[in-house]
Amino acid sequence: MSDTMIQIDNISKLYRLGTIGSGSLRRDLHQWWKSRVIKKDDPFFKPGQSADNISAEGNYLWALRNISFEIKEGEVCGIVGKNGAGKSTLLKVLSRITRPTEGRVRGRGKISSLLEIGTGFHSELTGRENIFISGSMLGMKKAEIRKNFDEIVEFSGISQFLDTPVKRYSSGMYVRLAFGVAAHLDPDILIIDEVLAVGDAEFQKKCMGKMKDVSSQKGRTIIFVSHNMQAINNLCTRAIWLQKGTIGCSGDTQTVVNKYLGAFQKKLWKEEWKPNEQAPGNEWIKMLSVELIPQLPDPTAPIDIRTPLTVRFRFQNFNDQINLSTNLVLFSLTGECIFDVPSASADFDKGIIEGECIIPGKFLNDGAYYFSLFFLKDSSRAIFEYEECLHFDVEDYRENINWYDKWVGSVRPHFPFALKEYRNGVYNKVV
């Protein structure tokens, strides 16, 4: 289609570990001629050959296996996955740094890759000189660099040190200048690998804003790889999860991120400790049990957005006449605090204390979550923290829903909200 910027058809990438080249000059020349000159697949690789069959000939690794997808114009596509999943290899293939073993990549427009911060920087040269060198290496013409020079300096915030050699810059200043150059590239397709994880919080926010402007206002297509799921959620319109070189899931960003995080989350609905068993606690209190009780008609059914939840816990109090309270805090798996519910404080003697909190249904959005318990003395002094004590997933029971039917964020509040029709001087209709 005319709006397709990148089309990837069944690409795979095979590496031979521990060696450089094929081990034979004749074979290396044959591979070079086939792959570089007449643009054919590796002549010594048979399509459809399994990794088991290849491993009999040597130590091989499939970095990518049968990857296919399309990216439309103006899309911001996030690539997520564990280390070693094939993310960087995929970006190198898309950037034409390396060729796939089999399959084809078709692209439309100018591609710029930002796979490493500071490409082209020389420590002995000044910031001003490095802007021109790095910009040229990233594909900008001299006229483009001059045109964007003032914006680059303002964006990086190092105008005071512009004529100072970059070897005297702090690591933060170096990164700010490097990304300032890269952020003003003007390609049709921009490929970014984990570069927004640098700098302080203010600069990361500025980088995120710049990437959003590039994609929304200028219509640029962006492929963004990051381990920061919050950045993926905020920046990307869709996402792809790579698992051991294959696509594990592809679709809207929130769904893919939830599935990715949920795959590595331990599902923990209940913990209980026997009297003589070593349990979480200290000289103030000792945990006896903590439990998540979903109110489900079928105990084997998953928790979905309609399910009311009860959190119940018991602990041993070792002190007489102590004023105690507890905070139940819910977090998303990315570490964002969803809510913090404090209990009333009261005076307690030694003994067993039980707490219970009910979260109504149709309140949490679909996603992966965990609870933490915080115990306080006199409502101000923390005496024990039991973090990540309960883990659970919330699913959306609806299928094939439109984007406008989905809630944005982690909660689905139902506050009073009315629309009134104004006609003939009065409001006579409420929607």
Protein backbone atom coordinates (compact mmCIF):
# COMPACT_ATOMS: atom_id res chain seq x y z
CA MET A 1 0.00 0.00 0.00
CA SER A 2 1.09 3.60 -0.63
CA ASP A 3 1.22 4.43 3.10
CA THR A 4 3.47 1.48 3.97
CA MET A 5 6.95 2.74 4.87
CA ILE A 6 8.59 -0.57 5.81
CA GLN A 7 7.56 -4.06 4.77
CA ILE A 8 9.38 -7.03 6.26
CA ASP A 9 8.78 -10.39 4.60
CA ASN A 10 9.83 -13.51 6.47
CA ILE A 11 13.34 -12.40 7.41
CA SER A 12 15.74 -14.63 9.33
CA LYS A 13 19.29 -14.04 10.47
CA LEU A 14 21.72 -16.84 11.20
CA TYR A 15 25.06 -16.32 12.95
CA ARG A 16 27.94 -18.74 13.21
CA LEU A 17 29.40 -18.41 16.69
CA GLY A 18 33.09 -18.27 17.47
CA THR A 19 34.35 -17.65 13.91
CA ILE A 20 34.74 -14.80 11.44
CA GLY A 21 33.69 -15.65 7.91
CA SER A 22 33.02 -19.14 6.61
CA GLY A 23 36.54 -20.49 7.15
CA SER A 24 37.27 -20.62 3.41
CA LEU A 25 38.38 -17.78 1.12
CA ARG A 26 36.57 -19.34 -1.83
CA ARG A 27 33.37 -19.64 0.18
CA ASP A 28 33.68 -16.08 1.54
CA LEU A 29 34.07 -14.72 -2.02
CA HIS A 30 31.07 -16.74 -3.19
CA GLN A 31 28.95 -15.40 -0.29
CA TRP A 32 30.07 -11.83 -0.97
CA TRP A 33 29.26 -12.10 -4.69
CA LYS A 34 25.81 -13.58 -4.06
CA SER A 35 24.75 -11.32 -1.19
CA ARG A 36 26.38 -8.00 -2.09
CA VAL A 37 26.63 -7.93 -5.88
CA ILE A 38 23.62 -9.85 -7.22
CA LYS A 39 21.54 -9.51 -3.99
CA LYS A 40 20.75 -13.19 -3.46
CA ASP A 41 20.41 -15.24 -0.26
CA ASP A 42 23.39 -16.97 1.32
CA PRO A 43 24.33 -19.71 -1.24
CA PHE A 44 25.43 -22.06 1.55
CA PHE A 45 22.19 -21.74 3.45
CA LYS A 46 19.21 -23.83 2.39
CA PRO A 47 15.81 -22.18 2.95
CA GLY A 48 13.69 -24.12 5.39
CA GLN A 49 16.74 -25.72 6.95
CA SER A 50 16.20 -26.21 10.69
CA ALA A 51 18.50 -24.98 13.40
CA ASP A 52 19.07 -28.60 14.46
CA ASN A 53 20.32 -29.57 11.01
CA ILE A 54 22.59 -26.54 10.79
CA SER A 55 24.02 -27.06 14.28
CA ALA A 56 25.39 -30.41 13.11
CA GLU A 57 27.77 -28.49 10.83
CA GLY A 58 28.93 -26.02 13.50
CA ASN A 59 27.87 -23.73 16.31
CA TYR A 60 25.05 -21.57 14.89
CA LEU A 61 22.52 -19.21 16.36
CA TRP A 62 19.22 -17.96 14.91
CA ALA A 63 19.12 -14.29 15.97
CA LEU A 64 15.89 -13.79 13.97
CA ARG A 65 13.49 -16.40 12.63
CA ASN A 66 10.61 -15.80 10.18
CA ILE A 67 9.87 -12.17 11.10
CA SER A 68 7.12 -10.44 9.09
CA PHE A 69 5.29 -7.15 9.69
CA GLU A 70 4.51 -3.76 8.14
CA ILE A 71 4.91 -0.24 9.49
CA LYS A 72 2.72 2.55 8.13
CA GLU A 73 3.62 6.17 7.53
CA GLY A 74 3.52 8.25 10.72
CA GLU A 75 3.47 5.22 13.03
CA VAL A 76 5.68 4.99 16.10
CA CYS A 77 6.39 1.29 16.56
CA GLY A 78 7.96 0.07 19.79
CA ILE A 79 10.08 -3.10 19.89
CA VAL A 80 10.22 -4.82 23.29
CA GLY A 81 11.84 -8.02 24.52
CA LYS A 82 14.47 -9.42 26.84
CA ASN A 83 18.20 -9.08 26.21
CA GLY A 84 19.12 -11.49 23.43
CA ALA A 85 15.63 -11.51 21.92
CA GLY A 86 16.92 -10.14 18.59
CA LYS A 87 15.95 -6.46 18.89
CA SER A 88 19.35 -5.01 17.95
CA THR A 89 19.81 -7.53 15.13
CA LEU A 90 16.43 -6.50 13.71
CA LEU A 91 17.41 -2.83 13.82
CA LYS A 92 20.72 -3.58 12.09
CA VAL A 93 18.86 -5.39 9.33
CA LEU A 94 16.42 -2.49 8.96
CA SER A 95 19.32 0.00 8.96
CA ARG A 96 21.11 -2.03 6.23
CA ILE A 97 24.11 -2.59 8.48
CA THR A 98 23.74 -6.33 8.00
CA ARG A 99 21.81 -8.44 5.49
CA PRO A 100 19.29 -11.09 6.53
CA THR A 101 20.12 -14.72 5.86
CA GLU A 102 16.78 -15.06 4.11
CA GLY A 103 13.77 -12.85 3.49
CA ARG A 104 13.39 -9.32 2.21
CA VAL A 105 13.06 -5.81 3.69
CA ARG A 106 11.38 -3.15 1.56
CA GLY A 107 11.44 0.49 2.61
CA ARG A 108 10.31 3.82 1.20
CA GLY A 109 12.08 7.08 1.94
CA LYS A 110 15.25 8.11 3.73
CA ILE A 111 16.25 6.05 6.78
CA SER A 112 18.40 7.34 9.65
CA SER A 113 19.58 5.14 12.50
CA LEU A 114 20.39 6.24 16.01
CA LEU A 115 21.84 3.02 17.42
CA GLU A 116 24.53 4.63 19.57
CA ILE A 117 24.70 8.03 21.26
CA GLY A 118 27.70 10.14 20.32
CA THR A 119 28.41 8.66 16.88
CA GLY A 120 31.29 10.63 15.33
CA PHE A 121 32.24 12.61 18.44
CA HIS A 122 35.94 13.34 18.95
CA SER A 123 37.06 14.10 22.49
CA GLU A 124 39.70 16.68 21.47
CA LEU A 125 37.29 18.77 19.39
CA THR A 126 34.83 21.36 20.70
CA GLY A 127 31.11 20.92 20.94
CA ARG A 128 30.64 23.22 17.94
CA GLU A 129 32.99 21.12 15.77
CA ASN A 130 31.46 17.87 16.93
CA ILE A 131 27.97 19.01 15.94
CA PHE A 132 29.13 19.28 12.32
CA ILE A 133 31.09 15.99 12.37
CA SER A 134 28.38 13.95 14.08
CA GLY A 135 25.64 15.49 11.94
CA SER A 136 27.54 14.60 8.77
CA MET A 137 28.04 11.00 9.93
CA LEU A 138 24.34 10.70 10.72
CA GLY A 139 23.45 11.77 7.17
CA MET A 140 22.83 15.51 7.48
CA LYS A 141 24.17 17.90 4.86
CA LYS A 142 26.25 20.90 5.89
CA ALA A 143 23.43 23.27 4.96
CA GLU A 144 21.01 21.28 7.16
CA ILE A 145 23.41 21.41 10.10
CA ARG A 146 23.81 25.18 9.74
CA LYS A 147 20.04 25.60 9.50
CA ASN A 148 19.42 23.57 12.66
CA PHE A 149 22.55 24.64 14.56
CA ASP A 150 20.89 27.11 16.93
CA GLU A 151 18.05 24.67 17.68
CA ILE A 152 20.53 21.88 18.42
CA VAL A 153 22.46 24.09 20.86
CA GLU A 154 19.27 25.31 22.56
CA PHE A 155 17.90 21.76 22.80
CA SER A 156 21.10 20.40 24.36
CA GLY A 157 21.46 23.34 26.77
CA ILE A 158 25.27 23.58 26.51
CA SER A 159 25.63 26.97 24.81
CA GLN A 160 28.01 28.16 27.54
CA PHE A 161 30.42 25.31 26.77
CA LEU A 162 30.00 25.19 22.99
CA ASP A 163 33.67 26.04 22.30
CA THR A 164 35.04 23.75 25.00
CA PRO A 165 36.52 20.34 24.01
CA VAL A 166 33.98 17.61 24.74
CA LYS A 167 36.57 15.67 26.76
CA ARG A 168 35.90 18.23 29.51
CA TYR A 169 32.12 17.67 29.39
CA SER A 170 30.33 15.69 32.05
CA SER A 171 28.65 12.50 30.88
CA GLY A 172 25.29 14.27 31.04
CA MET A 173 26.47 17.18 28.88
CA TYR A 174 27.97 14.78 26.35
CA VAL A 175 24.72 12.86 26.05
CA ARG A 176 22.62 16.02 25.78
CA LEU A 177 24.72 17.34 22.89
CA ALA A 178 24.80 13.95 21.12
CA PHE A 179 21.04 13.50 21.28
CA GLY A 180 20.52 17.15 20.37
CA VAL A 181 22.24 16.46 17.05
CA ALA A 182 20.36 13.21 16.46
CA ALA A 183 16.98 14.70 17.40
CA HIS A 184 17.22 17.18 14.52
CA LEU A 185 17.70 14.60 11.79
CA ASP A 186 15.06 14.92 9.10
CA PRO A 187 14.56 11.39 7.71
CA ASP A 188 11.36 9.70 6.62
CA ILE A 189 12.12 6.76 8.93
CA LEU A 190 14.02 7.13 12.22
CA ILE A 191 15.34 4.05 14.01
CA ILE A 192 16.18 4.56 17.70
CA ASP A 193 17.79 2.01 20.01
CA GLU A 194 17.49 2.64 23.77
CA VAL A 195 18.78 6.22 23.63
CA LEU A 196 15.95 7.82 25.62
CA ALA A 197 17.18 6.04 28.76
CA VAL A 198 19.99 8.60 29.10
CA GLY A 199 20.17 11.97 30.80
CA ASP A 200 18.20 13.35 33.72
CA ALA A 201 14.42 13.28 34.07
CA GLU A 202 13.96 16.76 32.59
CA PHE A 203 16.03 15.93 29.52
CA GLN A 204 14.27 12.58 29.00
CA LYS A 205 10.95 14.43 29.04
CA LYS A 206 12.29 16.85 26.45
CA CYS A 207 13.48 13.95 24.27
CA MET A 208 10.08 12.26 24.50
CA GLY A 209 8.37 15.49 23.49
CA LYS A 210 10.71 15.89 20.54
CA MET A 211 10.00 12.36 19.31
CA LYS A 212 6.25 12.94 19.60
CA ASP A 213 6.55 16.17 17.60
CA VAL A 214 8.59 14.44 14.90
CA SER A 215 6.00 11.68 14.48
CA SER A 216 2.78 13.70 14.84
CA GLN A 217 3.58 17.06 13.26
CA LYS A 218 6.07 16.00 10.59
CA GLY A 219 4.54 12.58 9.92
CA ARG A 220 7.82 10.72 10.41
CA THR A 221 7.85 6.98 10.98
CA ILE A 222 9.77 5.89 14.11
CA ILE A 223 10.96 2.47 15.25
CA PHE A 224 11.87 2.64 18.93
CA VAL A 225 13.56 -0.05 21.02
CA SER A 226 13.58 0.36 24.80
CA HIS A 227 13.43 -1.55 28.08
CA ASN A 228 11.53 1.39 29.58
CA MET A 229 7.90 0.28 29.30
CA GLN A 230 6.62 3.68 30.40
CA ALA A 231 8.45 5.31 27.48
CA ILE A 232 7.06 2.68 25.10
CA ASN A 233 3.52 3.32 26.37
CA ASN A 234 3.86 7.09 26.15
CA LEU A 235 5.55 7.30 22.76
CA CYS A 236 4.40 4.36 20.62
CA THR A 237 1.16 3.85 18.74
CA ARG A 238 1.80 0.10 18.37
CA ALA A 239 4.33 -2.43 19.64
CA ILE A 240 5.99 -5.74 18.76
CA TRP A 241 7.28 -8.22 21.34
CA LEU A 242 10.28 -10.29 20.24
CA GLN A 243 10.89 -13.66 21.90
CA LYS A 244 14.10 -15.55 21.03
CA GLY A 245 14.14 -14.10 17.54
CA THR A 246 10.44 -14.58 16.77
CA ILE A 247 7.37 -12.36 17.18
CA GLY A 248 5.60 -13.23 20.41
CA CYS A 249 2.87 -10.61 20.09
CA SER A 250 2.03 -7.61 17.90
CA GLY A 251 -0.72 -5.04 18.26
CA ASP A 252 -1.71 -1.94 20.24
CA THR A 253 0.96 -0.80 22.67
CA GLN A 254 -0.82 -1.33 25.99
CA THR A 255 -1.89 -4.90 25.12
CA VAL A 256 1.59 -5.91 23.98
CA VAL A 257 3.32 -4.35 27.00
CA ASN A 258 0.87 -6.03 29.39
CA LYS A 259 1.47 -9.43 27.81
CA TYR A 260 5.23 -8.90 27.80
CA LEU A 261 5.38 -7.89 31.46
CA GLY A 262 2.86 -10.53 32.50
CA ALA A 263 4.95 -13.31 30.95
CA PHE A 264 7.72 -12.73 33.50
CA GLN A 265 5.50 -11.93 36.46
CA LYS A 266 5.04 -14.51 39.15
CA LYS A 267 1.35 -15.04 39.81
CA LEU A 268 1.03 -14.84 43.59
CA TRP A 269 -2.45 -14.68 45.11
CA LYS A 270 -1.74 -16.15 48.54
CA GLU A 271 1.07 -16.62 51.04
CA GLU A 272 0.76 -18.22 54.46
CA TRP A 273 3.37 -19.03 57.10
CA LYS A 274 3.30 -21.61 59.88
CA PRO A 275 3.99 -20.49 63.51
CA ASN A 276 7.59 -21.75 63.55
CA GLU A 277 8.33 -20.86 59.95
CA GLN A 278 10.57 -17.93 59.06
CA ALA A 279 8.19 -15.26 57.80
CA PRO A 280 8.58 -11.64 56.69
CA GLY A 281 8.75 -9.26 59.63
CA ASN A 282 10.96 -7.81 62.35
CA GLU A 283 10.91 -7.06 66.08
CA TRP A 284 7.68 -5.08 65.67
CA ILE A 285 5.47 -7.41 63.65
CA LYS A 286 5.58 -10.73 61.82
CA MET A 287 3.43 -11.67 58.82
CA LEU A 288 1.11 -14.69 59.17
CA SER A 289 -0.74 -14.56 55.84
CA VAL A 290 -1.65 -12.35 52.90
CA GLU A 291 -4.24 -13.23 50.28
CA LEU A 292 -5.95 -11.83 47.20
CA ILE A 293 -9.56 -13.08 46.96
CA PRO A 294 -11.26 -12.35 43.61
CA GLN A 295 -15.04 -12.57 43.72
CA LEU A 296 -15.50 -14.91 40.75
CA PRO A 297 -18.51 -17.14 39.96
CA ASP A 298 -16.05 -19.74 38.66
CA PRO A 299 -12.86 -20.15 40.78
CA THR A 300 -10.89 -21.19 37.66
CA ALA A 301 -11.89 -18.07 35.67
CA PRO A 302 -9.33 -15.27 35.19
CA ILE A 303 -9.63 -11.89 36.88
CA ASP A 304 -11.14 -9.38 34.47
CA ILE A 305 -12.04 -5.70 34.64
CA ARG A 306 -15.44 -6.50 36.23
CA THR A 307 -14.05 -8.56 39.13
CA PRO A 308 -14.23 -7.14 42.71
CA LEU A 309 -11.09 -7.95 44.70
CA THR A 310 -10.56 -8.45 48.42
CA VAL A 311 -7.12 -8.17 50.01
CA ARG A 312 -6.92 -9.90 53.40
CA PHE A 313 -3.85 -10.17 55.64
CA ARG A 314 -2.93 -11.24 59.17
CA PHE A 315 0.13 -10.39 61.26
CA GLN A 316 1.48 -10.84 64.78
CA ASN A 317 1.92 -7.69 66.84
CA PHE A 318 4.73 -7.94 69.44
CA ASN A 319 4.11 -4.68 71.32
CA ASP A 320 1.58 -3.48 73.89
CA GLN A 321 -0.17 -0.13 73.60
CA ILE A 322 1.13 0.66 70.12
CA ASN A 323 -0.68 2.87 67.67
CA LEU A 324 -0.72 1.00 64.33
CA SER A 325 -2.01 1.67 60.82
CA THR A 326 -1.43 0.02 57.45
CA ASN A 327 -1.17 1.36 53.91
CA LEU A 328 -2.18 -0.90 51.02
CA VAL A 329 -0.48 0.35 47.85
CA LEU A 330 -1.18 -0.89 44.33
CA PHE A 331 1.47 -0.60 41.60
CA SER A 332 1.49 -1.40 37.90
CA LEU A 333 4.24 -3.78 36.87
CA THR A 334 6.14 -0.84 35.38
CA GLY A 335 6.39 0.61 38.93
CA GLU A 336 3.74 3.34 38.69
CA CYS A 337 1.70 3.84 41.87
CA ILE A 338 -2.00 3.38 41.07
CA PHE A 339 -3.42 4.14 44.52
CA ASP A 340 -2.52 4.18 48.21
CA VAL A 341 -5.26 3.20 50.67
CA PRO A 342 -4.53 3.94 54.38
CA SER A 343 -6.34 2.15 57.17
CA ALA A 344 -7.56 3.96 60.27
CA SER A 345 -4.96 4.06 63.05
CA ALA A 346 -5.77 2.53 66.44
CA ASP A 347 -4.08 1.38 69.65
CA PHE A 348 -3.35 -2.36 69.85
CA ASP A 349 -1.93 -4.79 72.44
CA LYS A 350 0.13 -7.89 71.68
CA GLY A 351 -1.69 -10.39 69.53
CA ILE A 352 -2.93 -11.21 66.06
CA ILE A 353 -4.34 -8.43 63.89
CA GLU A 354 -6.26 -8.91 60.65
CA GLY A 355 -6.80 -6.36 57.88
CA GLU A 356 -9.11 -6.35 54.89
CA CYS A 357 -9.66 -4.01 51.95
CA ILE A 358 -12.18 -4.37 49.08
CA ILE A 359 -11.50 -2.99 45.60
CA PRO A 360 -14.75 -2.74 43.60
CA GLY A 361 -15.14 -4.21 40.13
CA LYS A 362 -15.07 -2.05 36.99
CA PHE A 363 -12.37 0.09 38.56
CA LEU A 364 -9.01 -1.34 37.42
CA ASN A 365 -8.07 -1.39 33.76
CA ASP A 366 -6.57 -4.47 32.14
CA GLY A 367 -2.89 -4.96 32.94
CA ALA A 368 -0.40 -6.51 35.37
CA TYR A 369 -0.28 -5.29 39.00
CA TYR A 370 1.17 -5.97 42.43
CA PHE A 371 0.29 -4.94 46.00
CA SER A 372 2.66 -3.79 48.74
CA LEU A 373 1.89 -3.41 52.46
CA PHE A 374 3.39 -0.67 54.62
CA PHE A 375 2.99 -0.75 58.42
CA LEU A 376 3.24 2.51 60.39
CA LYS A 377 3.53 3.50 64.04
CA ASP A 378 1.70 6.66 65.09
CA SER A 379 0.65 7.16 61.43
CA SER A 380 4.06 8.54 60.57
CA ARG A 381 6.91 6.13 61.35
CA ALA A 382 7.33 3.15 59.02
CA ILE A 383 8.15 0.03 61.04
CA PHE A 384 7.90 -2.62 58.29
CA GLU A 385 7.45 -2.77 54.53
CA TYR A 386 6.30 -5.92 52.77
CA GLU A 387 6.81 -5.10 49.11
CA GLU A 388 5.35 -6.97 46.12
CA CYS A 389 3.42 -9.37 48.35
CA LEU A 390 0.64 -10.12 45.81
CA HIS A 391 0.90 -10.28 42.01
CA PHE A 392 -2.01 -10.59 39.62
CA ASP A 393 -3.26 -9.82 36.09
CA VAL A 394 -6.51 -8.15 35.06
CA GLU A 395 -7.94 -9.05 31.64
CA ASP A 396 -10.46 -7.31 29.41
CA TYR A 397 -13.29 -9.77 28.79
CA ARG A 398 -14.31 -7.99 25.58
CA GLU A 399 -12.95 -9.08 22.19
CA ASN A 400 -12.30 -7.05 19.05
CA ILE A 401 -13.03 -3.74 20.75
CA ASN A 402 -12.41 -0.38 19.11
CA TRP A 403 -9.86 2.09 20.42
CA TYR A 404 -12.59 4.46 21.69
CA ASP A 405 -14.01 1.67 23.87
CA LYS A 406 -10.71 1.23 25.72
CA TRP A 407 -9.76 3.18 28.82
CA VAL A 408 -6.43 4.98 28.87
CA GLY A 409 -4.44 4.50 32.05
CA SER A 410 -4.69 1.98 34.88
CA VAL A 411 -8.11 2.83 36.33
CA ARG A 412 -11.62 3.10 34.88
CA PRO A 413 -13.36 5.65 37.13
CA HIS A 414 -17.11 6.27 36.84
CA PHE A 415 -17.49 9.82 38.11
CA PRO A 416 -20.70 11.85 37.60
CA PHE A 417 -20.33 13.32 34.12
CA ALA A 418 -23.27 14.73 32.11
CA LEU A 419 -23.81 16.56 28.83
CA LYS A 420 -26.67 19.07 28.73
CA GLU A 421 -28.36 20.41 25.65
CA TYR A 422 -28.90 24.18 25.57
CA ARG A 423 -32.03 25.18 23.63
CA ASN A 424 -34.35 28.19 23.85
CA GLY A 425 -32.43 29.60 26.76
CA VAL A 426 -32.62 26.51 28.95
CA TYR A 427 -30.84 23.22 29.43
CA ASN A 428 -33.54 20.66 28.60
CA LYS A 429 -31.71 17.44 27.94
CA VAL A 430 -29.15 15.43 29.86
CA VAL A 431 -27.08 12.73 28.15
